[in-house]
Amino acid sequence: MSQPLRMSGVSIDLKLTGGRVAVVRDVDLSVGAGEIVCLVGESGSGKTITALAAVRLLPRVAGMRSRSVVIDGTETRDITDKAFGALLGDRVSIVFQNPMSSLNPVLTIGEQLCEAYLTHKRGSRAEAEVRAIDLLERVGVSAAADRMRQFPHQLSGGLRQRVMIALAFMCEPALVIGDEPTTALDVTMQAQTLRLLKDLARDTGIGLLLITHDLGVVSRMADRVVVMYAGRVVEEGTCEEIFAHPIHPYTRGLVDCAPAHASNGGFLSIPGEVPALTATPVGCDFRSRCPSAHADCHREPPIREEGARRWRCVMDRKTAQAAPTPASAALEAEG
């Protein structure tokens, strides 16, 4: 299977007043053609900044190191910004989190959709308009030809997000990155938008990297799940494996705390807090919140592999899965 995205050994530092702090450490990440990969974890785990690193949209205070970043067969680590600009919007595109601020307010919908096609495909204006209208219709925008003449402020939030999805697919990219693309939408519109993304990914064979902290979204969308904690990948596997047989204590805690696991009207939570960026512990980052932590957790945890499963822990699969989850251990201690 070809890989629209392959990142290896990605580390990101932020330059702050007190010095540089590591926010992402030695991350490997890939997305196959036609594959939907969900990147999950608590807020601040490094999901979004990892994806932004792939497309060179990091903030000025950020610095990145990597062994390799390949987009649709092109090693991008050492190419110029101009050469990379030819890829961005053409071979890789992004659906941002907030549709209310992601479109240019002074250009019509048609102008914004056609601009990407004219820039990268160098076709005629008529070809671009046909492509734009077709995509608007495919994402469920009624009276698409009339919408082309409207400005963003004339559309609802749900319609703007549909336009953003159409824009992302305008140049038939190899990879689409969705950064929490349904956060600003109501529940009904969230479900419709996710279905659109999934159908378009399946129909066109593109790779979709979806960033989310919502396990309900993950269960409906993902072929493969990559779990991040404190700037590192701690587990990776198929969606079925992650939900049915999570291994890493953090992943088990996330699954345990999903609303589907709520009982008696209450919700479980993982005790403790994510370590501060300026005080990343030596050894396992999760050990202060893990009920199974012991002396070996003060050393660097190994990356274990079994087939397509990967996890970062001193415990083997059998031992980890037999241990109590963080939430269940906390409930037992309270009882």
C-alpha atoms as a PDB file:
ATOM      1  CA  MET A   1       0.000   0.000   0.000  1.00  0.00           C
ATOM      2  CA  SER A   2       1.304   3.465  -0.921  1.00  0.00           C
ATOM      3  CA  GLN A   3       1.599   6.028   1.841  1.00  0.00           C
ATOM      4  CA  PRO A   4       0.386   9.600   1.284  1.00  0.00           C
ATOM      5  CA  LEU A   5       2.095  10.474   4.589  1.00  0.00           C
ATOM      6  CA  ARG A   6       5.084   8.960   6.353  1.00  0.00           C
ATOM      7  CA  MET A   7       6.770  10.824   9.221  1.00  0.00           C
ATOM      8  CA  SER A   8       9.729   9.373  11.091  1.00  0.00           C
ATOM      9  CA  GLY A   9      11.530  10.594  14.206  1.00  0.00           C
ATOM     10  CA  VAL A  10       9.655  13.904  14.433  1.00  0.00           C
ATOM     11  CA  SER A  11      10.503  16.051  17.465  1.00  0.00           C
ATOM     12  CA  ILE A  12       9.255  19.603  18.061  1.00  0.00           C
ATOM     13  CA  ASP A  13      10.508  22.216  20.536  1.00  0.00           C
ATOM     14  CA  LEU A  14       8.926  25.528  21.466  1.00  0.00           C
ATOM     15  CA  LYS A  15      11.069  28.527  22.326  1.00  0.00           C
ATOM     16  CA  LEU A  16       9.586  30.096  25.453  1.00  0.00           C
ATOM     17  CA  THR A  17      10.764  32.813  27.813  1.00  0.00           C
ATOM     18  CA  GLY A  18      12.463  30.319  30.097  1.00  0.00           C
ATOM     19  CA  GLY A  19      14.119  28.383  27.265  1.00  0.00           C
ATOM     20  CA  ARG A  20      13.142  25.595  24.874  1.00  0.00           C
ATOM     21  CA  VAL A  21      10.670  22.871  25.848  1.00  0.00           C
ATOM     22  CA  ALA A  22       9.916  19.638  24.009  1.00  0.00           C
ATOM     23  CA  VAL A  23       6.266  19.267  22.961  1.00  0.00           C
ATOM     24  CA  VAL A  24       6.649  16.311  20.553  1.00  0.00           C
ATOM     25  CA  ARG A  25       9.308  13.623  20.909  1.00  0.00           C
ATOM     26  CA  ASP A  26      10.400  11.060  18.336  1.00  0.00           C
ATOM     27  CA  VAL A  27       7.011  10.493  16.704  1.00  0.00           C
ATOM     28  CA  ASP A  28       6.526   8.060  13.819  1.00  0.00           C
ATOM     29  CA  LEU A  29       3.257   8.427  11.917  1.00  0.00           C
ATOM     30  CA  SER A  30       1.938   7.129   8.605  1.00  0.00           C
ATOM     31  CA  VAL A  31      -1.294   7.171   6.595  1.00  0.00           C
ATOM     32  CA  GLY A  32      -1.923   4.713   3.776  1.00  0.00           C
ATOM     33  CA  ALA A  33      -3.876   5.335   0.576  1.00  0.00           C
ATOM     34  CA  GLY A  34      -7.589   5.030   1.295  1.00  0.00           C
ATOM     35  CA  GLU A  35      -6.892   4.695   5.007  1.00  0.00           C
ATOM     36  CA  ILE A  36      -8.510   6.723   7.798  1.00  0.00           C
ATOM     37  CA  VAL A  37      -6.138   7.231  10.730  1.00  0.00           C
ATOM     38  CA  CYS A  38      -7.367   8.905  13.912  1.00  0.00           C
ATOM     39  CA  LEU A  39      -4.790  10.691  16.069  1.00  0.00           C
ATOM     40  CA  VAL A  40      -6.198  10.804  19.610  1.00  0.00           C
ATOM     41  CA  GLY A  41      -5.259  11.977  23.084  1.00  0.00           C
ATOM     42  CA  GLU A  42      -6.090  14.600  25.688  1.00  0.00           C
ATOM     43  CA  SER A  43      -5.749  18.305  24.906  1.00  0.00           C
ATOM     44  CA  GLY A  44      -2.064  19.206  24.919  1.00  0.00           C
ATOM     45  CA  SER A  45      -0.864  15.741  23.947  1.00  0.00           C
ATOM     46  CA  GLY A  46       0.738  17.015  20.740  1.00  0.00           C
ATOM     47  CA  LYS A  47      -1.815  15.890  18.138  1.00  0.00           C
ATOM     48  CA  THR A  48      -2.380  19.106  16.227  1.00  0.00           C
ATOM     49  CA  ILE A  49       1.191  20.364  16.291  1.00  0.00           C
ATOM     50  CA  THR A  50       2.376  17.008  14.932  1.00  0.00           C
ATOM     51  CA  ALA A  51       0.000  17.310  11.980  1.00  0.00           C
ATOM     52  CA  LEU A  52       0.946  20.954  11.417  1.00  0.00           C
ATOM     53  CA  ALA A  53       4.600  19.924  11.332  1.00  0.00           C
ATOM     54  CA  ALA A  54       3.844  17.663   8.368  1.00  0.00           C
ATOM     55  CA  VAL A  55       2.606  20.642   6.341  1.00  0.00           C
ATOM     56  CA  ARG A  56       5.041  23.304   7.607  1.00  0.00           C
ATOM     57  CA  LEU A  57       2.436  25.325   9.473  1.00  0.00           C
ATOM     58  CA  LEU A  58       4.231  25.433  12.806  1.00  0.00           C
ATOM     59  CA  PRO A  59       4.307  28.699  14.786  1.00  0.00           C
ATOM     60  CA  ARG A  60       7.463  30.834  14.534  1.00  0.00           C
ATOM     61  CA  VAL A  61       8.580  29.815  18.025  1.00  0.00           C
ATOM     62  CA  ALA A  62       8.614  26.132  17.057  1.00  0.00           C
ATOM     63  CA  GLY A  63      11.574  24.156  15.781  1.00  0.00           C
ATOM     64  CA  MET A  64      11.340  20.709  14.239  1.00  0.00           C
ATOM     65  CA  ARG A  65      13.803  17.858  13.787  1.00  0.00           C
ATOM     66  CA  SER A  66      13.044  14.651  11.891  1.00  0.00           C
ATOM     67  CA  ARG A  67      14.591  11.706  10.123  1.00  0.00           C
ATOM     68  CA  SER A  68      12.071  11.863   7.292  1.00  0.00           C
ATOM     69  CA  VAL A  69       8.782  13.487   6.261  1.00  0.00           C
ATOM     70  CA  VAL A  70       7.418  12.044   3.025  1.00  0.00           C
ATOM     71  CA  ILE A  71       4.219  13.334   1.389  1.00  0.00           C
ATOM     72  CA  ASP A  72       2.885  11.356  -1.575  1.00  0.00           C
ATOM     73  CA  GLY A  73       6.332   9.999  -2.372  1.00  0.00           C
ATOM     74  CA  THR A  74       8.203  13.309  -1.998  1.00  0.00           C
ATOM     75  CA  GLU A  75      10.750  13.705   0.801  1.00  0.00           C
ATOM     76  CA  THR A  76       9.915  17.212   2.053  1.00  0.00           C
ATOM     77  CA  ARG A  77      12.465  17.619   4.826  1.00  0.00           C
ATOM     78  CA  ASP A  78      15.002  19.517   2.712  1.00  0.00           C
ATOM     79  CA  ILE A  79      12.953  21.018  -0.134  1.00  0.00           C
ATOM     80  CA  THR A  80      12.406  24.786  -0.392  1.00  0.00           C
ATOM     81  CA  ASP A  81       9.271  26.532   0.833  1.00  0.00           C
ATOM     82  CA  LYS A  82       8.393  27.297  -2.802  1.00  0.00           C
ATOM     83  CA  ALA A  83       8.647  23.628  -3.758  1.00  0.00           C
ATOM     84  CA  PHE A  84       6.617  22.659  -0.710  1.00  0.00           C
ATOM     85  CA  GLY A  85       3.980  25.248  -1.625  1.00  0.00           C
ATOM     86  CA  ALA A  86       3.385  23.303  -4.830  1.00  0.00           C
ATOM     87  CA  LEU A  87       2.431  20.283  -2.698  1.00  0.00           C
ATOM     88  CA  LEU A  88       0.248  22.119  -0.171  1.00  0.00           C
ATOM     89  CA  GLY A  89      -3.265  22.429  -1.534  1.00  0.00           C
ATOM     90  CA  ASP A  90      -2.486  20.014  -4.338  1.00  0.00           C
ATOM     91  CA  ARG A  91      -1.201  16.726  -2.865  1.00  0.00           C
ATOM     92  CA  VAL A  92      -2.125  17.528   0.740  1.00  0.00           C
ATOM     93  CA  SER A  93      -4.910  19.729   2.105  1.00  0.00           C
ATOM     94  CA  ILE A  94      -6.439  20.580   5.480  1.00  0.00           C
ATOM     95  CA  VAL A  95      -9.926  20.975   6.947  1.00  0.00           C
ATOM     96  CA  PHE A  96      -9.431  23.301   9.906  1.00  0.00           C
ATOM     97  CA  GLN A  97     -11.302  23.279  13.193  1.00  0.00           C
ATOM     98  CA  ASN A  98     -13.377  26.439  12.882  1.00  0.00           C
ATOM     99  CA  PRO A  99     -15.350  26.951   9.646  1.00  0.00           C
ATOM    100  CA  MET A 100     -16.352  30.445  10.784  1.00  0.00           C
ATOM    101  CA  SER A 101     -12.813  31.783  10.372  1.00  0.00           C
ATOM    102  CA  SER A 102     -11.261  29.456   7.806  1.00  0.00           C
ATOM    103  CA  LEU A 103     -12.699  31.074   4.678  1.00  0.00           C
ATOM    104  CA  ASN A 104     -11.700  34.455   3.237  1.00  0.00           C
ATOM    105  CA  PRO A 105     -14.560  36.867   4.039  1.00  0.00           C
ATOM    106  CA  VAL A 106     -13.971  39.128   1.003  1.00  0.00           C
ATOM    107  CA  LEU A 107     -14.013  36.404  -1.673  1.00  0.00           C
ATOM    108  CA  THR A 108     -17.029  34.487  -2.901  1.00  0.00           C
ATOM    109  CA  ILE A 109     -17.278  30.757  -2.325  1.00  0.00           C
ATOM    110  CA  GLY A 110     -16.718  30.157  -6.023  1.00  0.00           C
ATOM    111  CA  GLU A 111     -13.595  32.312  -6.127  1.00  0.00           C
ATOM    112  CA  GLN A 112     -12.052  30.441  -3.210  1.00  0.00           C
ATOM    113  CA  LEU A 113     -12.855  27.002  -4.599  1.00  0.00           C
ATOM    114  CA  CYS A 114     -11.627  27.823  -8.089  1.00  0.00           C
ATOM    115  CA  GLU A 115      -8.436  29.530  -6.901  1.00  0.00           C
ATOM    116  CA  ALA A 116      -6.926  26.278  -5.639  1.00  0.00           C
ATOM    117  CA  TYR A 117      -7.756  24.439  -8.870  1.00  0.00           C
ATOM    118  CA  LEU A 118      -6.443  27.218 -11.119  1.00  0.00           C
ATOM    119  CA  THR A 119      -3.231  27.489  -9.097  1.00  0.00           C
ATOM    120  CA  HIS A 120      -2.335  23.812  -8.963  1.00  0.00           C
ATOM    121  CA  LYS A 121      -4.089  22.174 -11.924  1.00  0.00           C
ATOM    122  CA  ARG A 122      -3.770  25.111 -14.318  1.00  0.00           C
ATOM    123  CA  GLY A 123      -7.060  24.247 -15.995  1.00  0.00           C
ATOM    124  CA  SER A 124      -9.593  26.691 -17.374  1.00  0.00           C
ATOM    125  CA  ARG A 125     -11.993  28.718 -15.261  1.00  0.00           C
ATOM    126  CA  ALA A 126     -14.881  26.746 -16.723  1.00  0.00           C
ATOM    127  CA  GLU A 127     -13.269  23.443 -15.681  1.00  0.00           C
ATOM    128  CA  ALA A 128     -12.673  24.779 -12.179  1.00  0.00           C
ATOM    129  CA  GLU A 129     -16.300  25.888 -11.825  1.00  0.00           C
ATOM    130  CA  VAL A 130     -17.618  22.511 -12.997  1.00  0.00           C
ATOM    131  CA  ARG A 131     -15.354  20.771 -10.487  1.00  0.00           C
ATOM    132  CA  ALA A 132     -16.414  23.147  -7.677  1.00  0.00           C
ATOM    133  CA  ILE A 133     -20.145  22.774  -8.329  1.00  0.00           C
ATOM    134  CA  ASP A 134     -19.817  18.988  -8.518  1.00  0.00           C
ATOM    135  CA  LEU A 135     -18.006  18.859  -5.160  1.00  0.00           C
ATOM    136  CA  LEU A 136     -20.487  21.209  -3.491  1.00  0.00           C
ATOM    137  CA  GLU A 137     -23.307  18.941  -4.624  1.00  0.00           C
ATOM    138  CA  ARG A 138     -21.440  15.847  -3.394  1.00  0.00           C
ATOM    139  CA  VAL A 139     -21.031  17.363   0.083  1.00  0.00           C
ATOM    140  CA  GLY A 140     -24.741  18.166   0.242  1.00  0.00           C
ATOM    141  CA  VAL A 141     -24.850  21.891  -0.591  1.00  0.00           C
ATOM    142  CA  SER A 142     -28.146  22.626  -2.319  1.00  0.00           C
ATOM    143  CA  ALA A 143     -28.357  25.127  -5.198  1.00  0.00           C
ATOM    144  CA  ALA A 144     -24.587  24.789  -5.589  1.00  0.00           C
ATOM    145  CA  ALA A 145     -24.332  27.091  -8.607  1.00  0.00           C
ATOM    146  CA  ASP A 146     -26.035  29.885  -6.657  1.00  0.00           C
ATOM    147  CA  ARG A 147     -23.864  29.288  -3.577  1.00  0.00           C
ATOM    148  CA  MET A 148     -20.776  29.884  -5.731  1.00  0.00           C
ATOM    149  CA  ARG A 149     -21.763  33.576  -5.916  1.00  0.00           C
ATOM    150  CA  GLN A 150     -22.273  33.975  -2.174  1.00  0.00           C
ATOM    151  CA  PHE A 151     -19.817  35.171   0.481  1.00  0.00           C
ATOM    152  CA  PRO A 152     -18.976  33.146   3.620  1.00  0.00           C
ATOM    153  CA  HIS A 153     -21.061  35.378   5.907  1.00  0.00           C
ATOM    154  CA  GLN A 154     -24.153  34.409   3.925  1.00  0.00           C
ATOM    155  CA  LEU A 155     -23.753  30.729   4.877  1.00  0.00           C
ATOM    156  CA  SER A 156     -24.441  28.907   8.119  1.00  0.00           C
ATOM    157  CA  GLY A 157     -21.620  27.248  10.050  1.00  0.00           C
ATOM    158  CA  GLY A 158     -22.601  23.836   8.740  1.00  0.00           C
ATOM    159  CA  LEU A 159     -22.581  25.023   5.124  1.00  0.00           C
ATOM    160  CA  ARG A 160     -19.208  26.712   5.604  1.00  0.00           C
ATOM    161  CA  GLN A 161     -17.746  23.460   6.879  1.00  0.00           C
ATOM    162  CA  ARG A 162     -19.131  21.650   3.837  1.00  0.00           C
ATOM    163  CA  VAL A 163     -17.458  24.267   1.648  1.00  0.00           C
ATOM    164  CA  MET A 164     -14.192  23.664   3.534  1.00  0.00           C
ATOM    165  CA  ILE A 165     -14.477  19.946   2.832  1.00  0.00           C
ATOM    166  CA  ALA A 166     -15.149  20.610  -0.844  1.00  0.00           C
ATOM    167  CA  LEU A 167     -12.140  22.935  -0.921  1.00  0.00           C
ATOM    168  CA  ALA A 168      -9.927  20.263   0.641  1.00  0.00           C
ATOM    169  CA  PHE A 169     -10.859  17.780  -2.125  1.00  0.00           C
ATOM    170  CA  MET A 170     -10.779  20.320  -4.972  1.00  0.00           C
ATOM    171  CA  CYS A 171      -7.399  19.210  -6.360  1.00  0.00           C
ATOM    172  CA  GLU A 172      -7.860  15.479  -5.688  1.00  0.00           C
ATOM    173  CA  PRO A 173      -5.090  15.340  -3.039  1.00  0.00           C
ATOM    174  CA  ALA A 174      -3.386  12.186  -1.824  1.00  0.00           C
ATOM    175  CA  LEU A 175      -3.825  13.252   1.829  1.00  0.00           C
ATOM    176  CA  VAL A 176      -6.422  15.284   3.751  1.00  0.00           C
ATOM    177  CA  ILE A 177      -5.825  16.339   7.356  1.00  0.00           C
ATOM    178  CA  GLY A 178      -8.906  17.067   9.463  1.00  0.00           C
ATOM    179  CA  ASP A 179      -8.098  19.026  12.632  1.00  0.00           C
ATOM    180  CA  GLU A 180     -11.130  18.530  14.896  1.00  0.00           C
ATOM    181  CA  PRO A 181     -13.284  19.438  11.852  1.00  0.00           C
ATOM    182  CA  THR A 182     -16.626  19.083  13.664  1.00  0.00           C
ATOM    183  CA  THR A 183     -15.883  20.936  16.923  1.00  0.00           C
ATOM    184  CA  ALA A 184     -17.889  24.063  16.024  1.00  0.00           C
ATOM    185  CA  LEU A 185     -20.935  22.159  14.729  1.00  0.00           C
ATOM    186  CA  ASP A 186     -24.045  20.847  16.445  1.00  0.00           C
ATOM    187  CA  VAL A 187     -24.477  17.116  16.999  1.00  0.00           C
ATOM    188  CA  THR A 188     -26.568  16.491  13.884  1.00  0.00           C
ATOM    189  CA  MET A 189     -24.221  18.454  11.651  1.00  0.00           C
ATOM    190  CA  GLN A 190     -21.216  16.706  13.215  1.00  0.00           C
ATOM    191  CA  ALA A 191     -22.577  13.315  12.197  1.00  0.00           C
ATOM    192  CA  GLN A 192     -23.333  14.505   8.657  1.00  0.00           C
ATOM    193  CA  THR A 193     -19.888  16.078   8.254  1.00  0.00           C
ATOM    194  CA  LEU A 194     -18.088  12.965   9.455  1.00  0.00           C
ATOM    195  CA  ARG A 195     -20.120  10.833   7.068  1.00  0.00           C
ATOM    196  CA  LEU A 196     -19.176  13.160   4.207  1.00  0.00           C
ATOM    197  CA  LEU A 197     -15.487  12.910   5.032  1.00  0.00           C
ATOM    198  CA  LYS A 198     -15.632   9.138   5.307  1.00  0.00           C
ATOM    199  CA  ASP A 199     -17.567   8.706   2.054  1.00  0.00           C
ATOM    200  CA  LEU A 200     -15.263  11.058   0.135  1.00  0.00           C
ATOM    201  CA  ALA A 201     -12.184   9.289   1.487  1.00  0.00           C
ATOM    202  CA  ARG A 202     -13.564   5.895   0.471  1.00  0.00           C
ATOM    203  CA  ASP A 203     -14.761   7.084  -2.954  1.00  0.00           C
ATOM    204  CA  THR A 204     -11.545   8.885  -3.903  1.00  0.00           C
ATOM    205  CA  GLY A 205      -8.985   6.595  -2.244  1.00  0.00           C
ATOM    206  CA  ILE A 206      -7.239   9.446  -0.418  1.00  0.00           C
ATOM    207  CA  GLY A 207      -5.612   9.055   2.987  1.00  0.00           C
ATOM    208  CA  LEU A 208      -7.385  10.875   5.839  1.00  0.00           C
ATOM    209  CA  LEU A 209      -5.629  11.894   9.050  1.00  0.00           C
ATOM    210  CA  LEU A 210      -8.295  12.900  11.566  1.00  0.00           C
ATOM    211  CA  ILE A 211      -7.278  14.662  14.782  1.00  0.00           C
ATOM    212  CA  THR A 212      -9.778  14.244  17.606  1.00  0.00           C
ATOM    213  CA  HIS A 213     -10.222  13.608  21.319  1.00  0.00           C
ATOM    214  CA  ASP A 214     -13.721  12.178  20.821  1.00  0.00           C
ATOM    215  CA  LEU A 215     -13.650   8.373  21.018  1.00  0.00           C
ATOM    216  CA  GLY A 216     -17.158   8.251  19.573  1.00  0.00           C
ATOM    217  CA  VAL A 217     -15.785   9.854  16.397  1.00  0.00           C
ATOM    218  CA  VAL A 218     -12.879   7.412  16.403  1.00  0.00           C
ATOM    219  CA  SER A 219     -15.125   4.349  16.662  1.00  0.00           C
ATOM    220  CA  ARG A 220     -17.201   5.499  13.670  1.00  0.00           C
ATOM    221  CA  MET A 221     -14.361   6.679  11.443  1.00  0.00           C
ATOM    222  CA  ALA A 222     -11.007   5.009  12.037  1.00  0.00           C
ATOM    223  CA  ASP A 223      -9.279   2.149  10.294  1.00  0.00           C
ATOM    224  CA  ARG A 224      -6.256   2.663  12.531  1.00  0.00           C
ATOM    225  CA  VAL A 225      -5.781   4.612  15.776  1.00  0.00           C
ATOM    226  CA  VAL A 226      -2.634   6.365  17.013  1.00  0.00           C
ATOM    227  CA  VAL A 227      -2.750   7.393  20.695  1.00  0.00           C
ATOM    228  CA  MET A 228      -0.550  10.261  21.912  1.00  0.00           C
ATOM    229  CA  TYR A 229       0.300  11.265  25.463  1.00  0.00           C
ATOM    230  CA  ALA A 230       2.640  14.077  26.555  1.00  0.00           C
ATOM    231  CA  GLY A 231       4.084  14.454  23.046  1.00  0.00           C
ATOM    232  CA  ARG A 232       4.720  10.777  22.368  1.00  0.00           C
ATOM    233  CA  VAL A 233       2.916   7.960  20.611  1.00  0.00           C
ATOM    234  CA  VAL A 234       2.056   5.434  23.342  1.00  0.00           C
ATOM    235  CA  GLU A 235      -0.041   2.970  21.341  1.00  0.00           C
ATOM    236  CA  GLU A 236      -1.048   2.183  17.783  1.00  0.00           C
ATOM    237  CA  GLY A 237      -3.364  -0.431  16.298  1.00  0.00           C
ATOM    238  CA  THR A 238      -6.539  -1.031  14.327  1.00  0.00           C
ATOM    239  CA  CYS A 239      -9.731   0.572  15.592  1.00  0.00           C
ATOM    240  CA  GLU A 240     -11.179  -2.809  16.566  1.00  0.00           C
ATOM    241  CA  GLU A 241      -8.056  -3.804  18.492  1.00  0.00           C
ATOM    242  CA  ILE A 242      -7.755  -0.495  20.330  1.00  0.00           C
ATOM    243  CA  PHE A 243     -11.354  -0.557  21.569  1.00  0.00           C
ATOM    244  CA  ALA A 244     -11.645  -4.274  22.237  1.00  0.00           C
ATOM    245  CA  HIS A 245      -8.167  -4.949  23.643  1.00  0.00           C
ATOM    246  CA  PRO A 246      -6.299  -1.725  24.589  1.00  0.00           C
ATOM    247  CA  ILE A 247      -2.831  -2.368  26.019  1.00  0.00           C
ATOM    248  CA  HIS A 248      -1.145   0.806  27.290  1.00  0.00           C
ATOM    249  CA  PRO A 249      -2.539   1.997  30.662  1.00  0.00           C
ATOM    250  CA  TYR A 250      -3.329   5.409  29.174  1.00  0.00           C
ATOM    251  CA  THR A 251      -5.255   3.922  26.247  1.00  0.00           C
ATOM    252  CA  ARG A 252      -7.124   1.631  28.621  1.00  0.00           C
ATOM    253  CA  GLY A 253      -7.955   4.678  30.720  1.00  0.00           C
ATOM    254  CA  LEU A 254      -9.317   6.590  27.700  1.00  0.00           C
ATOM    255  CA  VAL A 255     -11.513   3.682  26.631  1.00  0.00           C
ATOM    256  CA  ASP A 256     -12.669   3.168  30.217  1.00  0.00           C
ATOM    257  CA  CYS A 257     -13.708   6.822  30.449  1.00  0.00           C
ATOM    258  CA  ALA A 258     -15.722   6.894  27.212  1.00  0.00           C
ATOM    259  CA  PRO A 259     -19.423   7.756  27.789  1.00  0.00           C
ATOM    260  CA  ALA A 260     -20.413   4.271  26.605  1.00  0.00           C
ATOM    261  CA  HIS A 261     -18.730   2.924  29.743  1.00  0.00           C
ATOM    262  CA  ALA A 262     -20.607   5.244  32.100  1.00  0.00           C
ATOM    263  CA  SER A 263     -22.675   3.528  34.770  1.00  0.00           C
ATOM    264  CA  ASN A 264     -25.310   4.783  37.204  1.00  0.00           C
ATOM    265  CA  GLY A 265     -25.369   8.142  35.458  1.00  0.00           C
ATOM    266  CA  GLY A 266     -21.737   8.901  36.303  1.00  0.00           C
ATOM    267  CA  PHE A 267     -18.557   9.193  34.276  1.00  0.00           C
ATOM    268  CA  LEU A 268     -15.099   7.815  34.941  1.00  0.00           C
ATOM    269  CA  SER A 269     -11.935   9.886  34.670  1.00  0.00           C
ATOM    270  CA  ILE A 270      -8.194   9.305  34.743  1.00  0.00           C
ATOM    271  CA  PRO A 271      -6.837  10.668  38.037  1.00  0.00           C
ATOM    272  CA  GLY A 272      -3.970  13.160  38.009  1.00  0.00           C
ATOM    273  CA  GLU A 273      -2.744  15.610  35.387  1.00  0.00           C
ATOM    274  CA  VAL A 274      -0.655  15.552  32.244  1.00  0.00           C
ATOM    275  CA  PRO A 275       2.943  16.504  33.179  1.00  0.00           C
ATOM    276  CA  ALA A 276       3.886  20.120  32.500  1.00  0.00           C
ATOM    277  CA  LEU A 277       6.001  20.738  29.404  1.00  0.00           C
ATOM    278  CA  THR A 278       8.742  22.186  31.577  1.00  0.00           C
ATOM    279  CA  ALA A 279       8.774  19.198  33.942  1.00  0.00           C
ATOM    280  CA  THR A 280       8.606  16.088  31.777  1.00  0.00           C
ATOM    281  CA  PRO A 281       9.523  13.166  34.051  1.00  0.00           C
ATOM    282  CA  VAL A 282      12.444  10.837  33.464  1.00  0.00           C
ATOM    283  CA  GLY A 283      11.192   7.460  32.228  1.00  0.00           C
ATOM    284  CA  CYS A 284       7.504   6.846  31.525  1.00  0.00           C
ATOM    285  CA  ASP A 285       5.493  10.069  31.193  1.00  0.00           C
ATOM    286  CA  PHE A 286       2.346   8.361  32.469  1.00  0.00           C
ATOM    287  CA  ARG A 287       3.767   6.739  35.598  1.00  0.00           C
ATOM    288  CA  SER A 288       2.409   9.329  38.058  1.00  0.00           C
ATOM    289  CA  ARG A 289      -1.139   8.473  36.878  1.00  0.00           C
ATOM    290  CA  CYS A 290      -0.678   4.732  36.372  1.00  0.00           C
ATOM    291  CA  PRO A 291      -1.887   2.344  39.111  1.00  0.00           C
ATOM    292  CA  SER A 292       0.640  -0.282  37.955  1.00  0.00           C
ATOM    293  CA  ALA A 293       3.731   1.950  38.059  1.00  0.00           C
ATOM    294  CA  HIS A 294       6.825   0.460  39.686  1.00  0.00           C
ATOM    295  CA  ALA A 295      10.579   1.001  39.829  1.00  0.00           C
ATOM    296  CA  ASP A 296      11.175   0.010  36.187  1.00  0.00           C
ATOM    297  CA  CYS A 297       8.918   2.873  35.065  1.00  0.00           C
ATOM    298  CA  HIS A 298      11.689   5.332  35.987  1.00  0.00           C
ATOM    299  CA  ARG A 299      13.648   4.156  32.964  1.00  0.00           C
ATOM    300  CA  GLU A 300      12.833   4.835  29.311  1.00  0.00           C
ATOM    301  CA  PRO A 301       9.954   2.513  28.343  1.00  0.00           C
ATOM    302  CA  PRO A 302      10.655   0.290  25.326  1.00  0.00           C
ATOM    303  CA  ILE A 303       8.510   0.270  22.185  1.00  0.00           C
ATOM    304  CA  ARG A 304       6.922  -3.182  21.981  1.00  0.00           C
ATOM    305  CA  GLU A 305       5.464  -4.658  18.794  1.00  0.00           C
ATOM    306  CA  GLU A 306       3.153  -7.545  18.000  1.00  0.00           C
ATOM    307  CA  GLY A 307       2.202  -7.517  14.321  1.00  0.00           C
ATOM    308  CA  ALA A 308       0.529  -4.167  13.623  1.00  0.00           C
ATOM    309  CA  ARG A 309       0.237  -3.366  17.356  1.00  0.00           C
ATOM    310  CA  ARG A 310       2.789  -1.045  18.918  1.00  0.00           C
ATOM    311  CA  TRP A 311       2.875   0.319  22.476  1.00  0.00           C
ATOM    312  CA  ARG A 312       5.387   2.103  24.691  1.00  0.00           C
ATOM    313  CA  CYS A 313       5.478   0.460  28.123  1.00  0.00           C
ATOM    314  CA  VAL A 314       7.690  -1.649  30.386  1.00  0.00           C
ATOM    315  CA  MET A 315       4.823  -4.148  30.677  1.00  0.00           C
ATOM    316  CA  ASP A 316       4.220  -6.829  28.068  1.00  0.00           C
ATOM    317  CA  ARG A 317       0.765  -7.216  26.559  1.00  0.00           C
ATOM    318  CA  LYS A 318      -0.533  -9.871  28.950  1.00  0.00           C
ATOM    319  CA  THR A 319       0.656  -8.061  32.089  1.00  0.00           C
ATOM    320  CA  ALA A 320      -0.638  -4.668  30.929  1.00  0.00           C
ATOM    321  CA  GLN A 321      -4.089  -5.966  30.037  1.00  0.00           C
ATOM    322  CA  ALA A 322      -4.418  -7.810  33.343  1.00  0.00           C
ATOM    323  CA  ALA A 323      -3.606  -4.672  35.367  1.00  0.00           C
ATOM    324  CA  PRO A 324      -6.355  -2.370  36.692  1.00  0.00           C
ATOM    325  CA  THR A 325      -7.182   0.695  34.628  1.00  0.00           C
ATOM    326  CA  PRO A 326      -6.461   4.131  36.142  1.00  0.00           C
ATOM    327  CA  ALA A 327     -10.155   4.932  36.585  1.00  0.00           C
ATOM    328  CA  SER A 328     -11.103   1.572  38.074  1.00  0.00           C
ATOM    329  CA  ALA A 329      -8.155   1.693  40.474  1.00  0.00           C
ATOM    330  CA  ALA A 330      -9.261   5.142  41.634  1.00  0.00           C
ATOM    331  CA  LEU A 331     -12.842   3.975  42.202  1.00  0.00           C
ATOM    332  CA  GLU A 332     -11.602   0.980  44.188  1.00  0.00           C
ATOM    333  CA  ALA A 333      -9.410   3.221  46.339  1.00  0.00           C
ATOM    334  CA  GLU A 334     -12.359   5.515  47.047  1.00  0.00           C
ATOM    335  CA  GLY A 335     -14.568   2.545  47.926  1.00  0.00           C
END
